[in-house]
Amino acid sequence: MSEYTLLIARFLGIPRTELVDIARGSLLHDIGKIGISDNILLKPAKLTEDEWTEIRKHPEIGYSIINKIDFLAGAAEMVLQHHERFDGTGYPQKLKGKQILLPARIFALVDTFDAMTSDRPYRKALTYQDARNEISRCCGTQFDPEIVKCFLDIPEEVWTEIKALVKYRPRSCKTYCSSRKGTGWPSSFTETQTTSACVTRTSCLLICLNPSASTSTCTATEVRPSRITRA
């Protein structure tokens, strides 16, 4: 999901210096589920209300784990806020609108998109079109309308290609950018905007920290599925 989040972050023009924290926050968003029982996380049936109460504790648990680690402090608020909703009905703080950090608002959408388009123990993945329709339906309630518009403006093939690249054949961002060159999207991203090493050590896709660097030392590795399955 870090690739999805960074994609929208770049599209919205978030400064390059902030992308590191966004990538880390994306990767660590569910770290608090370390404190949640596997009996709940891996339960194939519908959760009880008491089990949902336990699940909803994970943003605060995650925040408490990383907020005192210097190099992760910038990601801690994103971890805390990633289940807030634009209309103020999320958790744990019931923040509303722009009270929620922009990276957390982005992540809330891509987390839902990824969850809907991935198989779960309790259901099969939805199609891209079904996920798109649901995100449109939740515009202004669960999701920031500006971010929904950004998501809808990105062609389906881009989302599909990123998912496939991460799952099956990770490669350098220079190769990826070359494959997108000439498509007209995104207009601000060029082949020369590459990085020599992935900021999160999991993928080089769509993050530019050093435009002049060579990609010859790229260390991207495949992202393996987590045991954590509950949204």
Foldseek 3Di string as FASTA:
>chain_A
DLLQLLVLCVVVPPDLVLSLLLSVLLVQLQVLCVVPDLCLQQPQDDDDPVSVVRSQCSLVSSLVVQCPPVVNVSSNLLSNQLQAFQCQPGDDPSDHHVVRPPSSLSNNLVVQQVLQQCCGSHGHHDDNVVSLVVLVVCDNTRHDVVSNVSVVPDDPVVVVVVVCCQAPNADFQLVVQVVCPPVPPPPVDHSLQGDCEDSVLAHRHNRGDDSNDDVPNYRHDHDDDDSGRDD
